[in-house]
Amino acid sequence: MSKNQKIKIDSSFGKNLRVLRKSHGYTQEEIVAKLQLKNLDISRSAYAQIECGTYNIRISELVALKEIYDISYDEFFSGIQY
């Protein structure tokens, strides 16, 4: 699987991402800046769309967010029914 490959998400994932960001006290701009420091080319608008569930996240972005928040992958998918 390529690190540029995207994972199809739904609004539950985006909601979890928003809750994580807010619980860590970050703005969308701060998260985007942290992602850009990890050489990931993402705009605040694209990140906002990920949180809304209208834009698919790249695997590399998910890995970077896991590192930024220092959490397990399970926390991104908490409460999501399949």
PDB file of N, CA and C in Angstrom:
ATOM      1  N   MET A   1       0.842  -1.168   0.000  1.00  0.00           N
ATOM      2  CA  MET A   1       0.000   0.000   0.000  1.00  0.00           C
ATOM      3  C   MET A   1       0.890   1.234   0.000  1.00  0.00           C
ATOM      4  N   SER A   2       0.631   2.142  -0.895  1.00  0.00           N
ATOM      5  CA  SER A   2       1.410   3.370  -1.012  1.00  0.00           C
ATOM      6  C   SER A   2       1.030   4.358   0.083  1.00  0.00           C
ATOM      7  N   LYS A   3       2.016   5.109   0.573  1.00  0.00           N
ATOM      8  CA  LYS A   3       1.718   6.088   1.608  1.00  0.00           C
ATOM      9  C   LYS A   3       0.893   7.249   1.060  1.00  0.00           C
ATOM     10  N   ASN A   4       0.804   7.378  -0.265  1.00  0.00           N
ATOM     11  CA  ASN A   4      -0.034   8.406  -0.862  1.00  0.00           C
ATOM     12  C   ASN A   4      -1.440   7.905  -1.148  1.00  0.00           C
ATOM     13  N   GLN A   5      -1.667   6.615  -0.911  1.00  0.00           N
ATOM     14  CA  GLN A   5      -2.987   6.053  -1.123  1.00  0.00           C
ATOM     15  C   GLN A   5      -3.941   6.651  -0.097  1.00  0.00           C
ATOM     16  N   LYS A   6      -5.176   6.864  -0.516  1.00  0.00           N
ATOM     17  CA  LYS A   6      -6.162   7.465   0.369  1.00  0.00           C
ATOM     18  C   LYS A   6      -7.060   6.403   0.969  1.00  0.00           C
ATOM     19  N   ILE A   7      -7.538   6.696   2.158  1.00  0.00           N
ATOM     20  CA  ILE A   7      -8.490   5.838   2.849  1.00  0.00           C
ATOM     21  C   ILE A   7      -9.843   6.527   2.763  1.00  0.00           C
ATOM     22  N   LYS A   8     -10.832   5.806   2.276  1.00  0.00           N
ATOM     23  CA  LYS A   8     -12.172   6.378   2.203  1.00  0.00           C
ATOM     24  C   LYS A   8     -12.730   6.488   3.615  1.00  0.00           C
ATOM     25  N   ILE A   9     -13.208   7.673   3.964  1.00  0.00           N
ATOM     26  CA  ILE A   9     -13.691   7.904   5.318  1.00  0.00           C
ATOM     27  C   ILE A   9     -15.163   8.275   5.300  1.00  0.00           C
ATOM     28  N   ASP A  10     -15.748   8.309   6.475  1.00  0.00           N
ATOM     29  CA  ASP A  10     -17.114   8.795   6.598  1.00  0.00           C
ATOM     30  C   ASP A  10     -17.142   9.893   7.654  1.00  0.00           C
ATOM     31  N   SER A  11     -18.319  10.444   7.884  1.00  0.00           N
ATOM     32  CA  SER A  11     -18.421  11.573   8.810  1.00  0.00           C
ATOM     33  C   SER A  11     -18.049  11.195  10.241  1.00  0.00           C
ATOM     34  N   SER A  12     -18.209   9.920  10.627  1.00  0.00           N
ATOM     35  CA  SER A  12     -17.843   9.494  11.987  1.00  0.00           C
ATOM     36  C   SER A  12     -16.343   9.632  12.214  1.00  0.00           C
ATOM     37  N   PHE A  13     -15.549   9.270  11.209  1.00  0.00           N
ATOM     38  CA  PHE A  13     -14.097   9.418  11.325  1.00  0.00           C
ATOM     39  C   PHE A  13     -13.754  10.893  11.482  1.00  0.00           C
ATOM     40  N   GLY A  14     -14.346  11.734  10.646  1.00  0.00           N
ATOM     41  CA  GLY A  14     -14.082  13.172  10.719  1.00  0.00           C
ATOM     42  C   GLY A  14     -14.461  13.758  12.065  1.00  0.00           C
ATOM     43  N   LYS A  15     -15.596  13.295  12.604  1.00  0.00           N
ATOM     44  CA  LYS A  15     -16.028  13.764  13.923  1.00  0.00           C
ATOM     45  C   LYS A  15     -15.007  13.362  14.984  1.00  0.00           C
ATOM     46  N   ASN A  16     -14.527  12.123  14.917  1.00  0.00           N
ATOM     47  CA  ASN A  16     -13.498  11.669  15.863  1.00  0.00           C
ATOM     48  C   ASN A  16     -12.241  12.519  15.746  1.00  0.00           C
ATOM     49  N   LEU A  17     -11.863  12.835  14.516  1.00  0.00           N
ATOM     50  CA  LEU A  17     -10.667  13.649  14.285  1.00  0.00           C
ATOM     51  C   LEU A  17     -10.844  15.039  14.889  1.00  0.00           C
ATOM     52  N   ARG A  18     -12.017  15.620  14.724  1.00  0.00           N
ATOM     53  CA  ARG A  18     -12.310  16.939  15.281  1.00  0.00           C
ATOM     54  C   ARG A  18     -12.262  16.898  16.816  1.00  0.00           C
ATOM     55  N   VAL A  19     -12.859  15.865  17.408  1.00  0.00           N
ATOM     56  CA  VAL A  19     -12.856  15.723  18.871  1.00  0.00           C
ATOM     57  C   VAL A  19     -11.418  15.587  19.385  1.00  0.00           C
ATOM     58  N   LEU A  20     -10.611  14.783  18.709  1.00  0.00           N
ATOM     59  CA  LEU A  20      -9.206  14.628  19.104  1.00  0.00           C
ATOM     60  C   LEU A  20      -8.470  15.965  19.053  1.00  0.00           C
ATOM     61  N   ARG A  21      -8.663  16.685  17.953  1.00  0.00           N
ATOM     62  CA  ARG A  21      -7.981  17.976  17.796  1.00  0.00           C
ATOM     63  C   ARG A  21      -8.373  18.927  18.910  1.00  0.00           C
ATOM     64  N   LYS A  22      -9.665  19.044  19.157  1.00  0.00           N
ATOM     65  CA  LYS A  22     -10.129  19.978  20.183  1.00  0.00           C
ATOM     66  C   LYS A  22      -9.711  19.544  21.578  1.00  0.00           C
ATOM     67  N   SER A  23      -9.709  18.235  21.843  1.00  0.00           N
ATOM     68  CA  SER A  23      -9.320  17.757  23.173  1.00  0.00           C
ATOM     69  C   SER A  23      -7.835  17.997  23.445  1.00  0.00           C
ATOM     70  N   HIS A  24      -7.053  18.119  22.370  1.00  0.00           N
ATOM     71  CA  HIS A  24      -5.624  18.423  22.520  1.00  0.00           C
ATOM     72  C   HIS A  24      -5.360  19.931  22.448  1.00  0.00           C
ATOM     73  N   GLY A  25      -6.422  20.719  22.250  1.00  0.00           N
ATOM     74  CA  GLY A  25      -6.296  22.173  22.255  1.00  0.00           C
ATOM     75  C   GLY A  25      -5.701  22.784  21.002  1.00  0.00           C
ATOM     76  N   TYR A  26      -5.806  22.090  19.883  1.00  0.00           N
ATOM     77  CA  TYR A  26      -5.251  22.604  18.627  1.00  0.00           C
ATOM     78  C   TYR A  26      -6.332  23.203  17.739  1.00  0.00           C
ATOM     79  N   THR A  27      -5.942  24.210  16.971  1.00  0.00           N
ATOM     80  CA  THR A  27      -6.792  24.717  15.902  1.00  0.00           C
ATOM     81  C   THR A  27      -6.486  23.918  14.636  1.00  0.00           C
ATOM     82  N   GLN A  28      -7.334  24.039  13.639  1.00  0.00           N
ATOM     83  CA  GLN A  28      -7.044  23.379  12.359  1.00  0.00           C
ATOM     84  C   GLN A  28      -5.747  23.913  11.778  1.00  0.00           C
ATOM     85  N   GLU A  29      -5.520  25.205  11.903  1.00  0.00           N
ATOM     86  CA  GLU A  29      -4.301  25.804  11.370  1.00  0.00           C
ATOM     87  C   GLU A  29      -3.058  25.213  12.024  1.00  0.00           C
ATOM     88  N   GLU A  30      -3.124  24.981  13.336  1.00  0.00           N
ATOM     89  CA  GLU A  30      -1.970  24.412  14.050  1.00  0.00           C
ATOM     90  C   GLU A  30      -1.702  22.972  13.605  1.00  0.00           C
ATOM     91  N   ILE A  31      -2.756  22.196  13.404  1.00  0.00           N
ATOM     92  CA  ILE A  31      -2.577  20.815  12.938  1.00  0.00           C
ATOM     93  C   ILE A  31      -1.987  20.811  11.536  1.00  0.00           C
ATOM     94  N   VAL A  32      -2.492  21.666  10.669  1.00  0.00           N
ATOM     95  CA  VAL A  32      -1.966  21.748   9.302  1.00  0.00           C
ATOM     96  C   VAL A  32      -0.495  22.144   9.330  1.00  0.00           C
ATOM     97  N   ALA A  33      -0.123  23.089  10.184  1.00  0.00           N
ATOM     98  CA  ALA A  33       1.285  23.498  10.293  1.00  0.00           C
ATOM     99  C   ALA A  33       2.147  22.322  10.744  1.00  0.00           C
ATOM    100  N   LYS A  34       1.660  21.534  11.712  1.00  0.00           N
ATOM    101  CA  LYS A  34       2.406  20.367  12.180  1.00  0.00           C
ATOM    102  C   LYS A  34       2.540  19.322  11.066  1.00  0.00           C
ATOM    103  N   LEU A  35       1.493  19.141  10.280  1.00  0.00           N
ATOM    104  CA  LEU A  35       1.558  18.203   9.154  1.00  0.00           C
ATOM    105  C   LEU A  35       2.547  18.697   8.106  1.00  0.00           C
ATOM    106  N   GLN A  36       2.540  20.003   7.850  1.00  0.00           N
ATOM    107  CA  GLN A  36       3.459  20.564   6.869  1.00  0.00           C
ATOM    108  C   GLN A  36       4.910  20.443   7.333  1.00  0.00           C
ATOM    109  N   LEU A  37       5.140  20.529   8.636  1.00  0.00           N
ATOM    110  CA  LEU A  37       6.490  20.327   9.164  1.00  0.00           C
ATOM    111  C   LEU A  37       6.968  18.898   8.938  1.00  0.00           C
ATOM    112  N   LYS A  38       6.025  17.984   8.748  1.00  0.00           N
ATOM    113  CA  LYS A  38       6.356  16.587   8.448  1.00  0.00           C
ATOM    114  C   LYS A  38       6.370  16.351   6.929  1.00  0.00           C
ATOM    115  N   ASN A  39       6.507  17.447   6.176  1.00  0.00           N
ATOM    116  CA  ASN A  39       6.590  17.416   4.713  1.00  0.00           C
ATOM    117  C   ASN A  39       5.338  16.873   4.033  1.00  0.00           C
ATOM    118  N   LEU A  40       4.178  17.126   4.641  1.00  0.00           N
ATOM    119  CA  LEU A  40       2.908  16.739   4.030  1.00  0.00           C
ATOM    120  C   LEU A  40       2.241  17.991   3.491  1.00  0.00           C
ATOM    121  N   ASP A  41       1.958  17.982   2.219  1.00  0.00           N
ATOM    122  CA  ASP A  41       1.374  19.137   1.553  1.00  0.00           C
ATOM    123  C   ASP A  41      -0.151  19.080   1.699  1.00  0.00           C
ATOM    124  N   ILE A  42      -0.671  19.807   2.687  1.00  0.00           N
ATOM    125  CA  ILE A  42      -2.109  19.838   2.936  1.00  0.00           C
ATOM    126  C   ILE A  42      -2.502  21.257   3.318  1.00  0.00           C
ATOM    127  N   SER A  43      -3.637  21.692   2.829  1.00  0.00           N
ATOM    128  CA  SER A  43      -4.139  23.027   3.158  1.00  0.00           C
ATOM    129  C   SER A  43      -5.121  22.924   4.323  1.00  0.00           C
ATOM    130  N   ARG A  44      -5.408  24.052   4.935  1.00  0.00           N
ATOM    131  CA  ARG A  44      -6.393  24.063   6.010  1.00  0.00           C
ATOM    132  C   ARG A  44      -7.759  23.671   5.467  1.00  0.00           C
ATOM    133  N   SER A  45      -8.051  24.104   4.264  1.00  0.00           N
ATOM    134  CA  SER A  45      -9.327  23.764   3.630  1.00  0.00           C
ATOM    135  C   SER A  45      -9.470  22.252   3.435  1.00  0.00           C
ATOM    136  N   ALA A  46      -8.418  21.604   2.964  1.00  0.00           N
ATOM    137  CA  ALA A  46      -8.453  20.147   2.767  1.00  0.00           C
ATOM    138  C   ALA A  46      -8.594  19.446   4.112  1.00  0.00           C
ATOM    139  N   TYR A  47      -7.887  19.941   5.130  1.00  0.00           N
ATOM    140  CA  TYR A  47      -7.994  19.327   6.457  1.00  0.00           C
ATOM    141  C   TYR A  47      -9.421  19.480   6.994  1.00  0.00           C
ATOM    142  N   ALA A  48     -10.010  20.648   6.800  1.00  0.00           N
ATOM    143  CA  ALA A  48     -11.388  20.880   7.253  1.00  0.00           C
ATOM    144  C   ALA A  48     -12.339  19.901   6.570  1.00  0.00           C
ATOM    145  N   GLN A  49     -12.095  19.628   5.289  1.00  0.00           N
ATOM    146  CA  GLN A  49     -12.935  18.677   4.556  1.00  0.00           C
ATOM    147  C   GLN A  49     -12.770  17.257   5.103  1.00  0.00           C
ATOM    148  N   ILE A  50     -11.585  16.905   5.565  1.00  0.00           N
ATOM    149  CA  ILE A  50     -11.374  15.589   6.188  1.00  0.00           C
ATOM    150  C   ILE A  50     -12.223  15.501   7.454  1.00  0.00           C
ATOM    151  N   GLU A  51     -12.206  16.564   8.256  1.00  0.00           N
ATOM    152  CA  GLU A  51     -13.008  16.569   9.482  1.00  0.00           C
ATOM    153  C   GLU A  51     -14.504  16.510   9.186  1.00  0.00           C
ATOM    154  N   CYS A  52     -14.916  17.019   8.036  1.00  0.00           N
ATOM    155  CA  CYS A  52     -16.337  16.985   7.648  1.00  0.00           C
ATOM    156  C   CYS A  52     -16.715  15.659   6.985  1.00  0.00           C
ATOM    157  N   GLY A  53     -15.716  14.844   6.676  1.00  0.00           N
ATOM    158  CA  GLY A  53     -15.985  13.561   6.036  1.00  0.00           C
ATOM    159  C   GLY A  53     -16.218  13.656   4.540  1.00  0.00           C
ATOM    160  N   THR A  54     -15.799  14.780   3.938  1.00  0.00           N
ATOM    161  CA  THR A  54     -16.014  14.968   2.505  1.00  0.00           C
ATOM    162  C   THR A  54     -14.733  14.841   1.685  1.00  0.00           C
ATOM    163  N   TYR A  55     -13.618  14.558   2.343  1.00  0.00           N
ATOM    164  CA  TYR A  55     -12.331  14.434   1.661  1.00  0.00           C
ATOM    165  C   TYR A  55     -11.595  13.267   2.289  1.00  0.00           C
ATOM    166  N   ASN A  56     -11.073  12.397   1.475  1.00  0.00           N
ATOM    167  CA  ASN A  56     -10.393  11.205   1.991  1.00  0.00           C
ATOM    168  C   ASN A  56      -8.983  11.525   2.460  1.00  0.00           C
ATOM    169  N   ILE A  57      -8.622  10.939   3.572  1.00  0.00           N
ATOM    170  CA  ILE A  57      -7.310  11.172   4.174  1.00  0.00           C
ATOM    171  C   ILE A  57      -6.277  10.229   3.561  1.00  0.00           C
ATOM    172  N   ARG A  58      -5.075  10.735   3.357  1.00  0.00           N
ATOM    173  CA  ARG A  58      -3.982   9.889   2.880  1.00  0.00           C
ATOM    174  C   ARG A  58      -3.404   9.112   4.061  1.00  0.00           C
ATOM    175  N   ILE A  59      -2.906   7.955   3.772  1.00  0.00           N
ATOM    176  CA  ILE A  59      -2.298   7.120   4.806  1.00  0.00           C
ATOM    177  C   ILE A  59      -1.173   7.877   5.498  1.00  0.00           C
ATOM    178  N   SER A  60      -0.374   8.596   4.742  1.00  0.00           N
ATOM    179  CA  SER A  60       0.742   9.351   5.339  1.00  0.00           C
ATOM    180  C   SER A  60       0.232  10.410   6.311  1.00  0.00           C
ATOM    181  N   GLU A  61      -0.923  11.003   6.018  1.00  0.00           N
ATOM    182  CA  GLU A  61      -1.500  11.994   6.922  1.00  0.00           C
ATOM    183  C   GLU A  61      -1.991  11.322   8.212  1.00  0.00           C
ATOM    184  N   LEU A  62      -2.600  10.160   8.065  1.00  0.00           N
ATOM    185  CA  LEU A  62      -3.077   9.421   9.235  1.00  0.00           C
ATOM    186  C   LEU A  62      -1.913   9.026  10.141  1.00  0.00           C
ATOM    187  N   VAL A  63      -0.829   8.545   9.539  1.00  0.00           N
ATOM    188  CA  VAL A  63       0.364   8.169  10.315  1.00  0.00           C
ATOM    189  C   VAL A  63       0.918   9.399  11.047  1.00  0.00           C
ATOM    190  N   ALA A  64       0.992  10.519  10.347  1.00  0.00           N
ATOM    191  CA  ALA A  64       1.519  11.744  10.964  1.00  0.00           C
ATOM    192  C   ALA A  64       0.615  12.215  12.100  1.00  0.00           C
ATOM    193  N   LEU A  65      -0.700  12.146  11.911  1.00  0.00           N
ATOM    194  CA  LEU A  65      -1.623  12.556  12.971  1.00  0.00           C
ATOM    195  C   LEU A  65      -1.502  11.651  14.193  1.00  0.00           C
ATOM    196  N   LYS A  66      -1.272  10.363  13.964  1.00  0.00           N
ATOM    197  CA  LYS A  66      -1.066   9.422  15.065  1.00  0.00           C
ATOM    198  C   LYS A  66       0.152   9.863  15.882  1.00  0.00           C
ATOM    199  N   GLU A  67       1.206  10.281  15.191  1.00  0.00           N
ATOM    200  CA  GLU A  67       2.416  10.747  15.875  1.00  0.00           C
ATOM    201  C   GLU A  67       2.177  12.070  16.596  1.00  0.00           C
ATOM    202  N   ILE A  68       1.468  12.982  15.956  1.00  0.00           N
ATOM    203  CA  ILE A  68       1.199  14.294  16.555  1.00  0.00           C
ATOM    204  C   ILE A  68       0.401  14.142  17.845  1.00  0.00           C
ATOM    205  N   TYR A  69      -0.632  13.320  17.805  1.00  0.00           N
ATOM    206  CA  TYR A  69      -1.486  13.132  18.980  1.00  0.00           C
ATOM    207  C   TYR A  69      -0.944  12.093  19.957  1.00  0.00           C
ATOM    208  N   ASP A  70       0.027  11.298  19.522  1.00  0.00           N
ATOM    209  CA  ASP A  70       0.607  10.239  20.353  1.00  0.00           C
ATOM    210  C   ASP A  70      -0.489   9.306  20.879  1.00  0.00           C
ATOM    211  N   ILE A  71      -1.259   8.757  19.922  1.00  0.00           N
ATOM    212  CA  ILE A  71      -2.380   7.875  20.247  1.00  0.00           C
ATOM    213  C   ILE A  71      -2.276   6.598  19.417  1.00  0.00           C
ATOM    214  N   SER A  72      -3.155   5.659  19.721  1.00  0.00           N
ATOM    215  CA  SER A  72      -3.233   4.442  18.904  1.00  0.00           C
ATOM    216  C   SER A  72      -4.176   4.706  17.732  1.00  0.00           C
ATOM    217  N   TYR A  73      -4.074   3.904  16.704  1.00  0.00           N
ATOM    218  CA  TYR A  73      -4.972   4.045  15.560  1.00  0.00           C
ATOM    219  C   TYR A  73      -6.426   3.812  15.968  1.00  0.00           C
ATOM    220  N   ASP A  74      -6.640   2.972  16.966  1.00  0.00           N
ATOM    221  CA  ASP A  74      -7.996   2.680  17.422  1.00  0.00           C
ATOM    222  C   ASP A  74      -8.760   3.944  17.796  1.00  0.00           C
ATOM    223  N   GLU A  75      -8.069   4.920  18.337  1.00  0.00           N
ATOM    224  CA  GLU A  75      -8.751   6.144  18.772  1.00  0.00           C
ATOM    225  C   GLU A  75      -9.342   6.921  17.604  1.00  0.00           C
ATOM    226  N   PHE A  76      -8.772   6.803  16.428  1.00  0.00           N
ATOM    227  CA  PHE A  76      -9.345   7.465  15.249  1.00  0.00           C
ATOM    228  C   PHE A  76     -10.699   6.848  14.876  1.00  0.00           C
ATOM    229  N   PHE A  77     -10.856   5.561  15.174  1.00  0.00           N
ATOM    230  CA  PHE A  77     -12.033   4.824  14.711  1.00  0.00           C
ATOM    231  C   PHE A  77     -13.000   4.485  15.844  1.00  0.00           C
ATOM    232  N   SER A  78     -12.831   5.093  16.995  1.00  0.00           N
ATOM    233  CA  SER A  78     -13.653   4.817  18.160  1.00  0.00           C
ATOM    234  C   SER A  78     -15.140   5.062  17.853  1.00  0.00           C
ATOM    235  N   GLY A  79     -15.962   4.062  18.159  1.00  0.00           N
ATOM    236  CA  GLY A  79     -17.403   4.202  18.002  1.00  0.00           C
ATOM    237  C   GLY A  79     -17.934   4.085  16.594  1.00  0.00           C
ATOM    238  N   ILE A  80     -17.066   3.840  15.622  1.00  0.00           N
ATOM    239  CA  ILE A  80     -17.519   3.727  14.234  1.00  0.00           C
ATOM    240  C   ILE A  80     -18.075   2.323  14.008  1.00  0.00           C
ATOM    241  N   GLN A  81     -19.300   2.278  13.521  1.00  0.00           N
ATOM    242  CA  GLN A  81     -19.959   1.008  13.217  1.00  0.00           C
ATOM    243  C   GLN A  81     -19.650   0.623  11.777  1.00  0.00           C
ATOM    244  N   TYR A  82     -19.515  -0.669  11.523  1.00  0.00           N
ATOM    245  CA  TYR A  82     -19.279  -1.137  10.154  1.00  0.00           C
ATOM    246  C   TYR A  82     -20.252  -2.184   9.778  1.00  0.00           C
TER     247      TYR A  82
END
